[in-house]
Structures are given as structure tokens and as C-alpha cells.
PDB file of N, CA and C in Angstrom:
ATOM      1  N   MET A   1     -21.109  74.496  -4.351  1.00  0.00           N
ATOM      2  CA  MET A   1     -21.003  74.387  -2.931  1.00  0.00           C
ATOM      3  C   MET A   1     -21.510  75.876  -2.625  1.00  0.00           C
ATOM      4  N   ASN A   2     -22.161  75.929  -1.213  1.00  0.00           N
ATOM      5  CA  ASN A   2     -22.814  77.151  -0.983  1.00  0.00           C
ATOM      6  C   ASN A   2     -22.371  77.387   0.658  1.00  0.00           C
ATOM      7  N   VAL A   3     -21.641  78.346   0.970  1.00  0.00           N
ATOM      8  CA  VAL A   3     -21.321  78.528   2.495  1.00  0.00           C
ATOM      9  C   VAL A   3     -21.912  80.049   2.610  1.00  0.00           C
ATOM     10  N   TYR A   4     -22.888  80.050   3.886  1.00  0.00           N
ATOM     11  CA  TYR A   4     -23.645  81.214   4.157  1.00  0.00           C
ATOM     12  C   TYR A   4     -23.738  81.194   5.583  1.00  0.00           C
ATOM     13  N   ALA A   5     -23.549  82.593   6.279  1.00  0.00           N
ATOM     14  CA  ALA A   5     -23.646  82.794   7.776  1.00  0.00           C
ATOM     15  C   ALA A   5     -24.353  84.060   7.957  1.00  0.00           C
ATOM     16  N   ARG A   6     -25.148  84.083   9.136  1.00  0.00           N
ATOM     17  CA  ARG A   6     -26.069  85.197   9.262  1.00  0.00           C
ATOM     18  C   ARG A   6     -25.816  85.270  10.753  1.00  0.00           C
ATOM     19  N   CYS A   7     -25.914  86.483  11.140  1.00  0.00           N
ATOM     20  CA  CYS A   7     -25.974  86.566  12.757  1.00  0.00           C
ATOM     21  C   CYS A   7     -26.933  87.452  13.219  1.00  0.00           C
ATOM     22  N   GLY A   8     -27.374  87.444  14.598  1.00  0.00           N
ATOM     23  CA  GLY A   8     -28.411  88.179  15.190  1.00  0.00           C
ATOM     24  C   GLY A   8     -29.544  87.822  14.838  1.00  0.00           C
ATOM     25  N   GLN A   9     -29.851  86.689  13.985  1.00  0.00           N
ATOM     26  CA  GLN A   9     -31.046  86.257  13.520  1.00  0.00           C
ATOM     27  C   GLN A   9     -31.271  84.993  13.833  1.00  0.00           C
ATOM     28  N   ASP A  10     -32.153  84.572  14.626  1.00  0.00           N
ATOM     29  CA  ASP A  10     -32.564  82.903  14.934  1.00  0.00           C
ATOM     30  C   ASP A  10     -31.560  81.973  15.441  1.00  0.00           C
ATOM     31  N   GLY A  11     -30.465  82.901  15.908  1.00  0.00           N
ATOM     32  CA  GLY A  11     -29.237  81.984  16.411  1.00  0.00           C
ATOM     33  C   GLY A  11     -29.423  81.265  17.604  1.00  0.00           C
ATOM     34  N   GLU A  12     -30.581  81.751  18.415  1.00  0.00           N
ATOM     35  CA  GLU A  12     -30.711  81.160  19.596  1.00  0.00           C
ATOM     36  C   GLU A  12     -32.061  80.109  19.795  1.00  0.00           C
ATOM     37  N   ASP A  13     -32.960  80.557  19.193  1.00  0.00           N
ATOM     38  CA  ASP A  13     -34.263  79.877  19.677  1.00  0.00           C
ATOM     39  C   ASP A  13     -34.815  79.299  18.660  1.00  0.00           C
ATOM     40  N   VAL A  14     -34.243  78.897  17.330  1.00  0.00           N
ATOM     41  CA  VAL A  14     -34.608  77.869  16.341  1.00  0.00           C
ATOM     42  C   VAL A  14     -33.707  76.569  16.261  1.00  0.00           C
ATOM     43  N   PRO A  15     -34.311  75.648  16.292  1.00  0.00           N
ATOM     44  CA  PRO A  15     -33.799  74.261  16.227  1.00  0.00           C
ATOM     45  C   PRO A  15     -32.955  73.987  14.940  1.00  0.00           C
ATOM     46  N   LEU A  16     -31.932  73.040  15.157  1.00  0.00           N
ATOM     47  CA  LEU A  16     -31.134  73.027  13.940  1.00  0.00           C
ATOM     48  C   LEU A  16     -31.933  72.270  12.598  1.00  0.00           C
ATOM     49  N   ARG A  17     -32.760  71.208  13.208  1.00  0.00           N
ATOM     50  CA  ARG A  17     -33.638  70.434  12.393  1.00  0.00           C
ATOM     51  C   ARG A  17     -34.637  71.661  11.543  1.00  0.00           C
ATOM     52  N   SER A  18     -35.116  72.608  12.170  1.00  0.00           N
ATOM     53  CA  SER A  18     -35.734  73.589  11.441  1.00  0.00           C
ATOM     54  C   SER A  18     -35.163  74.603  10.642  1.00  0.00           C
ATOM     55  N   LEU A  19     -34.032  74.673  11.004  1.00  0.00           N
ATOM     56  CA  LEU A  19     -33.033  75.739  10.333  1.00  0.00           C
ATOM     57  C   LEU A  19     -32.356  74.946   8.841  1.00  0.00           C
ATOM     58  N   THR A  20     -32.415  73.769   9.029  1.00  0.00           N
ATOM     59  CA  THR A  20     -32.274  72.980   7.773  1.00  0.00           C
ATOM     60  C   THR A  20     -33.280  72.723   6.950  1.00  0.00           C
ATOM     61  N   GLN A  21     -34.379  72.344   7.356  1.00  0.00           N
ATOM     62  CA  GLN A  21     -35.784  72.582   6.686  1.00  0.00           C
ATOM     63  C   GLN A  21     -35.689  73.990   5.967  1.00  0.00           C
ATOM     64  N   HIS A  22     -35.459  74.924   6.409  1.00  0.00           N
ATOM     65  CA  HIS A  22     -35.517  76.202   5.592  1.00  0.00           C
ATOM     66  C   HIS A  22     -34.661  76.181   4.472  1.00  0.00           C
ATOM     67  N   LEU A  23     -33.601  75.554   4.843  1.00  0.00           N
ATOM     68  CA  LEU A  23     -32.703  75.496   3.397  1.00  0.00           C
ATOM     69  C   LEU A  23     -33.379  74.663   2.056  1.00  0.00           C
ATOM     70  N   LEU A  24     -34.176  73.716   2.351  1.00  0.00           N
ATOM     71  CA  LEU A  24     -34.987  72.864   1.622  1.00  0.00           C
ATOM     72  C   LEU A  24     -36.125  73.325   0.901  1.00  0.00           C
ATOM     73  N   ILE A  25     -36.796  74.683   1.271  1.00  0.00           N
ATOM     74  CA  ILE A  25     -37.936  75.301   0.724  1.00  0.00           C
ATOM     75  C   ILE A  25     -37.875  75.257  -0.673  1.00  0.00           C
ATOM     76  N   GLY A  26     -38.753  74.832  -1.298  1.00  0.00           N
ATOM     77  CA  GLY A  26     -38.753  74.634  -2.830  1.00  0.00           C
ATOM     78  C   GLY A  26     -38.450  73.120  -3.405  1.00  0.00           C
ATOM     79  N   PHE A  27     -37.676  72.452  -2.612  1.00  0.00           N
ATOM     80  CA  PHE A  27     -37.559  71.198  -3.069  1.00  0.00           C
ATOM     81  C   PHE A  27     -38.625  70.208  -2.900  1.00  0.00           C
ATOM     82  N   THR A  28     -38.813  69.220  -3.817  1.00  0.00           N
ATOM     83  CA  THR A  28     -39.693  68.231  -3.690  1.00  0.00           C
ATOM     84  C   THR A  28     -39.336  66.776  -3.738  1.00  0.00           C
ATOM     85  N   GLU A  29     -40.070  65.792  -3.308  1.00  0.00           N
ATOM     86  CA  GLU A  29     -39.762  64.260  -3.431  1.00  0.00           C
ATOM     87  C   GLU A  29     -38.602  64.202  -2.750  1.00  0.00           C
ATOM     88  N   ARG A  30     -38.380  64.886  -1.496  1.00  0.00           N
ATOM     89  CA  ARG A  30     -37.066  64.530  -0.603  1.00  0.00           C
ATOM     90  C   ARG A  30     -37.216  63.064   0.030  1.00  0.00           C
ATOM     91  N   ASN A  31     -36.069  62.708  -0.234  1.00  0.00           N
ATOM     92  CA  ASN A  31     -35.720  61.105   0.255  1.00  0.00           C
ATOM     93  C   ASN A  31     -34.320  61.511   1.402  1.00  0.00           C
ATOM     94  N   TYR A  32     -34.502  61.288   2.421  1.00  0.00           N
ATOM     95  CA  TYR A  32     -33.485  61.766   3.639  1.00  0.00           C
ATOM     96  C   TYR A  32     -32.768  60.409   3.789  1.00  0.00           C
ATOM     97  N   ARG A  33     -31.453  60.473   3.280  1.00  0.00           N
ATOM     98  CA  ARG A  33     -30.586  59.342   3.591  1.00  0.00           C
ATOM     99  C   ARG A  33     -29.832  59.309   4.832  1.00  0.00           C
ATOM    100  N   GLU A  34     -29.891  60.636   5.558  1.00  0.00           N
ATOM    101  CA  GLU A  34     -29.121  60.425   6.876  1.00  0.00           C
ATOM    102  C   GLU A  34     -29.386  61.835   7.503  1.00  0.00           C
ATOM    103  N   GLU A  35     -29.614  62.024   8.651  1.00  0.00           N
ATOM    104  CA  GLU A  35     -29.845  63.137   9.501  1.00  0.00           C
ATOM    105  C   GLU A  35     -29.419  62.931  10.850  1.00  0.00           C
ATOM    106  N   LYS A  36     -28.222  63.776  11.279  1.00  0.00           N
ATOM    107  CA  LYS A  36     -27.902  63.226  12.675  1.00  0.00           C
ATOM    108  C   LYS A  36     -27.207  64.640  13.207  1.00  0.00           C
ATOM    109  N   VAL A  37     -27.071  64.767  14.479  1.00  0.00           N
ATOM    110  CA  VAL A  37     -26.358  65.863  15.219  1.00  0.00           C
ATOM    111  C   VAL A  37     -24.883  65.393  15.449  1.00  0.00           C
ATOM    112  N   ILE A  38     -23.832  65.977  15.004  1.00  0.00           N
ATOM    113  CA  ILE A  38     -22.334  65.781  15.072  1.00  0.00           C
ATOM    114  C   ILE A  38     -21.731  66.810  15.655  1.00  0.00           C
ATOM    115  N   PRO A  39     -20.757  66.504  16.297  1.00  0.00           N
ATOM    116  CA  PRO A  39     -19.825  67.726  16.981  1.00  0.00           C
ATOM    117  C   PRO A  39     -19.221  68.402  15.889  1.00  0.00           C
ATOM    118  N   MET A  40     -19.239  69.818  15.585  1.00  0.00           N
ATOM    119  CA  MET A  40     -18.309  70.615  14.985  1.00  0.00           C
ATOM    120  C   MET A  40     -17.852  71.959  15.545  1.00  0.00           C
ATOM    121  N   ASP A  41     -16.739  72.151  15.621  1.00  0.00           N
ATOM    122  CA  ASP A  41     -16.104  73.479  16.098  1.00  0.00           C
ATOM    123  C   ASP A  41     -16.483  73.582  17.825  1.00  0.00           C
ATOM    124  N   GLY A  42     -16.728  72.539  18.409  1.00  0.00           N
ATOM    125  CA  GLY A  42     -16.995  72.670  19.911  1.00  0.00           C
ATOM    126  C   GLY A  42     -18.605  72.750  20.188  1.00  0.00           C
ATOM    127  N   ARG A  43     -19.286  72.612  19.026  1.00  0.00           N
ATOM    128  CA  ARG A  43     -20.886  72.772  19.386  1.00  0.00           C
ATOM    129  C   ARG A  43     -21.521  71.545  18.563  1.00  0.00           C
ATOM    130  N   GLU A  44     -22.762  71.442  18.593  1.00  0.00           N
ATOM    131  CA  GLU A  44     -23.591  70.481  17.703  1.00  0.00           C
ATOM    132  C   GLU A  44     -23.908  71.122  16.522  1.00  0.00           C
ATOM    133  N   ALA A  45     -23.918  70.308  15.414  1.00  0.00           N
ATOM    134  CA  ALA A  45     -24.185  70.695  14.293  1.00  0.00           C
ATOM    135  C   ALA A  45     -25.226  69.678  13.732  1.00  0.00           C
ATOM    136  N   MET A  46     -26.155  69.913  12.882  1.00  0.00           N
ATOM    137  CA  MET A  46     -26.864  68.922  12.132  1.00  0.00           C
ATOM    138  C   MET A  46     -26.462  68.729  10.790  1.00  0.00           C
ATOM    139  N   HIS A  47     -26.309  67.507  10.426  1.00  0.00           N
ATOM    140  CA  HIS A  47     -25.891  66.907   9.251  1.00  0.00           C
ATOM    141  C   HIS A  47     -26.984  66.340   8.449  1.00  0.00           C
ATOM    142  N   THR A  48     -27.125  66.582   7.357  1.00  0.00           N
ATOM    143  CA  THR A  48     -28.315  66.037   6.547  1.00  0.00           C
ATOM    144  C   THR A  48     -27.640  65.548   5.156  1.00  0.00           C
ATOM    145  N   LEU A  49     -28.195  64.352   4.840  1.00  0.00           N
ATOM    146  CA  LEU A  49     -28.024  63.867   3.347  1.00  0.00           C
ATOM    147  C   LEU A  49     -29.247  63.845   2.687  1.00  0.00           C
ATOM    148  N   VAL A  50     -29.448  64.142   1.594  1.00  0.00           N
ATOM    149  CA  VAL A  50     -30.921  64.169   1.076  1.00  0.00           C
ATOM    150  C   VAL A  50     -30.728  64.295  -0.265  1.00  0.00           C
ATOM    151  N   ASP A  51     -31.901  63.306  -1.114  1.00  0.00           N
ATOM    152  CA  ASP A  51     -32.037  63.401  -2.362  1.00  0.00           C
ATOM    153  C   ASP A  51     -33.305  64.183  -2.676  1.00  0.00           C
ATOM    154  N   ALA A  52     -33.263  64.915  -3.644  1.00  0.00           N
ATOM    155  CA  ALA A  52     -34.493  65.670  -3.808  1.00  0.00           C
ATOM    156  C   ALA A  52     -34.812  66.493  -5.293  1.00  0.00           C
ATOM    157  N   LYS A  53     -35.815  66.965  -5.555  1.00  0.00           N
ATOM    158  CA  LYS A  53     -35.926  67.736  -6.750  1.00  0.00           C
ATOM    159  C   LYS A  53     -36.186  69.134  -6.722  1.00  0.00           C
ATOM    160  N   LEU A  54     -35.588  69.651  -7.709  1.00  0.00           N
ATOM    161  CA  LEU A  54     -35.760  71.164  -7.786  1.00  0.00           C
ATOM    162  C   LEU A  54     -36.239  71.773  -9.001  1.00  0.00           C
ATOM    163  N   ASP A  55     -37.495  71.911  -9.145  1.00  0.00           N
ATOM    164  CA  ASP A  55     -38.177  72.180 -10.416  1.00  0.00           C
ATOM    165  C   ASP A  55     -38.158  70.970 -11.449  1.00  0.00           C
ATOM    166  N   GLY A  56     -38.314  69.958 -10.953  1.00  0.00           N
ATOM    167  CA  GLY A  56     -38.181  68.565 -11.201  1.00  0.00           C
ATOM    168  C   GLY A  56     -36.903  67.852 -11.849  1.00  0.00           C
ATOM    169  N   VAL A  57     -35.619  68.730 -11.419  1.00  0.00           N
ATOM    170  CA  VAL A  57     -34.580  68.186 -11.657  1.00  0.00           C
ATOM    171  C   VAL A  57     -33.864  67.483 -10.373  1.00  0.00           C
ATOM    172  N   PRO A  58     -33.639  66.434 -10.437  1.00  0.00           N
ATOM    173  CA  PRO A  58     -32.864  65.380  -9.360  1.00  0.00           C
ATOM    174  C   PRO A  58     -31.624  66.245  -8.957  1.00  0.00           C
ATOM    175  N   LEU A  59     -31.491  66.200  -7.590  1.00  0.00           N
ATOM    176  CA  LEU A  59     -30.137  66.603  -6.852  1.00  0.00           C
ATOM    177  C   LEU A  59     -29.892  65.953  -5.590  1.00  0.00           C
ATOM    178  N   SER A  60     -28.632  65.815  -5.385  1.00  0.00           N
ATOM    179  CA  SER A  60     -28.267  65.264  -4.033  1.00  0.00           C
ATOM    180  C   SER A  60     -27.683  66.324  -3.236  1.00  0.00           C
ATOM    181  N   LEU A  61     -28.148  66.359  -2.149  1.00  0.00           N
ATOM    182  CA  LEU A  61     -27.551  67.653  -1.070  1.00  0.00           C
ATOM    183  C   LEU A  61     -26.771  66.973   0.260  1.00  0.00           C
ATOM    184  N   SER A  62     -25.607  67.713   0.652  1.00  0.00           N
ATOM    185  CA  SER A  62     -25.079  67.412   1.913  1.00  0.00           C
ATOM    186  C   SER A  62     -24.993  68.688   2.508  1.00  0.00           C
ATOM    187  N   ILE A  63     -25.652  68.801   3.906  1.00  0.00           N
ATOM    188  CA  ILE A  63     -26.060  69.965   4.471  1.00  0.00           C
ATOM    189  C   ILE A  63     -25.818  69.977   5.942  1.00  0.00           C
ATOM    190  N   TYR A  64     -24.906  70.951   6.667  1.00  0.00           N
ATOM    191  CA  TYR A  64     -24.286  71.258   7.707  1.00  0.00           C
ATOM    192  C   TYR A  64     -25.092  72.424   8.081  1.00  0.00           C
ATOM    193  N   VAL A  65     -25.587  72.582   9.327  1.00  0.00           N
ATOM    194  CA  VAL A  65     -26.026  73.758   9.951  1.00  0.00           C
ATOM    195  C   VAL A  65     -25.500  73.847  11.125  1.00  0.00           C
ATOM    196  N   LEU A  66     -24.734  74.703  11.474  1.00  0.00           N
ATOM    197  CA  LEU A  66     -24.050  74.868  12.638  1.00  0.00           C
ATOM    198  C   LEU A  66     -24.651  76.408  13.562  1.00  0.00           C
ATOM    199  N   LYS A  67     -24.993  76.386  14.609  1.00  0.00           N
ATOM    200  CA  LYS A  67     -25.349  77.668  15.447  1.00  0.00           C
ATOM    201  C   LYS A  67     -24.084  77.831  16.427  1.00  0.00           C
ATOM    202  N   LYS A  68     -23.397  79.164  16.540  1.00  0.00           N
ATOM    203  CA  LYS A  68     -22.362  79.322  17.351  1.00  0.00           C
ATOM    204  C   LYS A  68     -22.218  80.896  17.635  1.00  0.00           C
ATOM    205  N   ASP A  69     -22.044  81.437  18.593  1.00  0.00           N
ATOM    206  CA  ASP A  69     -22.048  82.870  19.256  1.00  0.00           C
ATOM    207  C   ASP A  69     -22.866  83.815  18.538  1.00  0.00           C
ATOM    208  N   GLY A  70     -24.288  83.217  18.446  1.00  0.00           N
ATOM    209  CA  GLY A  70     -25.356  84.038  17.969  1.00  0.00           C
ATOM    210  C   GLY A  70     -25.446  84.073  16.612  1.00  0.00           C
ATOM    211  N   CYS A  71     -24.620  83.322  15.836  1.00  0.00           N
ATOM    212  CA  CYS A  71     -24.464  83.166  14.158  1.00  0.00           C
ATOM    213  C   CYS A  71     -25.045  81.770  13.935  1.00  0.00           C
ATOM    214  N   VAL A  72     -25.586  81.597  12.670  1.00  0.00           N
ATOM    215  CA  VAL A  72     -26.012  80.295  12.059  1.00  0.00           C
ATOM    216  C   VAL A  72     -24.986  80.180  10.736  1.00  0.00           C
ATOM    217  N   TYR A  73     -24.586  79.048  10.628  1.00  0.00           N
ATOM    218  CA  TYR A  73     -23.791  78.643   9.598  1.00  0.00           C
ATOM    219  C   TYR A  73     -24.535  77.718   8.790  1.00  0.00           C
ATOM    220  N   ASP A  74     -24.468  77.859   7.280  1.00  0.00           N
ATOM    221  CA  ASP A  74     -25.075  76.916   6.321  1.00  0.00           C
ATOM    222  C   ASP A  74     -23.827  76.427   5.407  1.00  0.00           C
ATOM    223  N   LEU A  75     -23.565  75.232   5.453  1.00  0.00           N
ATOM    224  CA  LEU A  75     -22.687  74.536   4.430  1.00  0.00           C
ATOM    225  C   LEU A  75     -23.557  73.688   3.562  1.00  0.00           C
ATOM    226  N   VAL A  76     -23.376  73.808   2.276  1.00  0.00           N
ATOM    227  CA  VAL A  76     -24.206  72.995   1.461  1.00  0.00           C
ATOM    228  C   VAL A  76     -23.436  72.487   0.385  1.00  0.00           C
ATOM    229  N   TRP A  77     -23.393  71.210   0.287  1.00  0.00           N
ATOM    230  CA  TRP A  77     -22.759  70.710  -1.216  1.00  0.00           C
ATOM    231  C   TRP A  77     -23.957  70.248  -1.951  1.00  0.00           C
ATOM    232  N   VAL A  78     -24.227  70.735  -3.285  1.00  0.00           N
ATOM    233  CA  VAL A  78     -25.387  70.107  -3.945  1.00  0.00           C
ATOM    234  C   VAL A  78     -25.103  69.913  -5.340  1.00  0.00           C
ATOM    235  N   ALA A  79     -25.249  68.891  -5.827  1.00  0.00           N
ATOM    236  CA  ALA A  79     -24.972  68.475  -7.227  1.00  0.00           C
ATOM    237  C   ALA A  79     -26.094  67.164  -7.912  1.00  0.00           C
ATOM    238  N   PRO A  80     -25.836  67.145  -9.067  1.00  0.00           N
ATOM    239  CA  PRO A  80     -26.817  65.976  -9.725  1.00  0.00           C
ATOM    240  C   PRO A  80     -26.150  64.493  -8.915  1.00  0.00           C
ATOM    241  N   PRO A  81     -26.992  63.799  -8.846  1.00  0.00           N
ATOM    242  CA  PRO A  81     -26.872  62.408  -8.305  1.00  0.00           C
ATOM    243  C   PRO A  81     -25.521  61.578  -8.639  1.00  0.00           C
ATOM    244  N   GLU A  82     -25.505  61.908  -9.939  1.00  0.00           N
ATOM    245  CA  GLU A  82     -24.350  60.984 -10.724  1.00  0.00           C
ATOM    246  C   GLU A  82     -22.826  61.739 -10.353  1.00  0.00           C
ATOM    247  N   ARG A  83     -22.873  63.092  -9.984  1.00  0.00           N
ATOM    248  CA  ARG A  83     -21.721  63.965  -9.747  1.00  0.00           C
ATOM    249  C   ARG A  83     -21.516  64.074  -8.399  1.00  0.00           C
ATOM    250  N   PHE A  84     -22.402  63.683  -7.597  1.00  0.00           N
ATOM    251  CA  PHE A  84     -22.376  64.130  -6.311  1.00  0.00           C
ATOM    252  C   PHE A  84     -20.932  63.557  -5.278  1.00  0.00           C
ATOM    253  N   SER A  85     -20.816  62.271  -5.602  1.00  0.00           N
ATOM    254  CA  SER A  85     -19.648  61.555  -4.942  1.00  0.00           C
ATOM    255  C   SER A  85     -18.442  62.144  -5.367  1.00  0.00           C
ATOM    256  N   ALA A  86     -18.157  62.693  -6.471  1.00  0.00           N
ATOM    257  CA  ALA A  86     -17.083  63.107  -7.072  1.00  0.00           C
ATOM    258  C   ALA A  86     -16.539  64.387  -6.133  1.00  0.00           C
ATOM    259  N   GLY A  87     -17.391  65.312  -5.520  1.00  0.00           N
ATOM    260  CA  GLY A  87     -17.082  66.266  -4.899  1.00  0.00           C
ATOM    261  C   GLY A  87     -17.119  66.327  -3.368  1.00  0.00           C
ATOM    262  N   ILE A  88     -17.826  65.241  -2.823  1.00  0.00           N
ATOM    263  CA  ILE A  88     -18.255  65.270  -1.328  1.00  0.00           C
ATOM    264  C   ILE A  88     -17.249  65.036  -0.410  1.00  0.00           C
ATOM    265  N   ALA A  89     -16.101  64.476  -0.877  1.00  0.00           N
ATOM    266  CA  ALA A  89     -14.834  64.515   0.129  1.00  0.00           C
ATOM    267  C   ALA A  89     -13.930  65.592   0.273  1.00  0.00           C
ATOM    268  N   ALA A  90     -14.076  66.450  -0.824  1.00  0.00           N
ATOM    269  CA  ALA A  90     -13.348  67.901  -0.479  1.00  0.00           C
ATOM    270  C   ALA A  90     -14.352  68.776   0.122  1.00  0.00           C
ATOM    271  N   PHE A  91     -15.722  68.507   0.062  1.00  0.00           N
ATOM    272  CA  PHE A  91     -16.650  69.408   0.736  1.00  0.00           C
ATOM    273  C   PHE A  91     -16.366  69.015   2.132  1.00  0.00           C
ATOM    274  N   ASP A  92     -16.442  67.898   2.742  1.00  0.00           N
ATOM    275  CA  ASP A  92     -16.772  67.412   3.728  1.00  0.00           C
ATOM    276  C   ASP A  92     -15.194  67.697   4.721  1.00  0.00           C
ATOM    277  N   ALA A  93     -14.000  67.762   3.783  1.00  0.00           N
ATOM    278  CA  ALA A  93     -12.850  68.095   4.446  1.00  0.00           C
ATOM    279  C   ALA A  93     -12.653  69.621   4.683  1.00  0.00           C
TER     280      ALA A  93
END
């Protein structure tokens, strides 16, 4: 699991989809299973489920990107596809 926040940078003028794409730089063979805007903490957040490869290794990712109060919050669950479902419920909670 990866949780990251940055404030004072691209918090206002970069779309959620673009911010999500920045997190996937270096990943290849992307297969988007879901990409939707959802409510989170009184704001809109982008939730993306994607299967991709990093250096040829297959991975599954669940990504949430939220902009609030001049900050961008990235929450990412990443695991090999065969172990992805074992941790997703705890991550989503």
C-alpha cells in the first residue's frame, strides 16, 4: 500500500485523470477495469482499477486520487494479480 500527499503543487489546475496517469508512468500493457469519479471526504475523487506490467511483472492496482484544500492525495494498493483480492477489502476500508 502506498499513501502520499503533496500540497501547493498541481492541487487546483490538473484534472484527476491526469494525476492518476502520472502514477502509472513506467507501467506497460495497461488494462483498465474501472475508472470512475466517486465522492470522498466531501469532494470528488478518481478511483481506478487497472492491471498492468512493471518491468514485465504483472500487477493489479487500485488507485484513489483526491484533491482537497490545495493538496493532492494518492492512495494506491498494488499487488500481484493472484494476491490482489486478499488485501483490497482492508485497503478500501
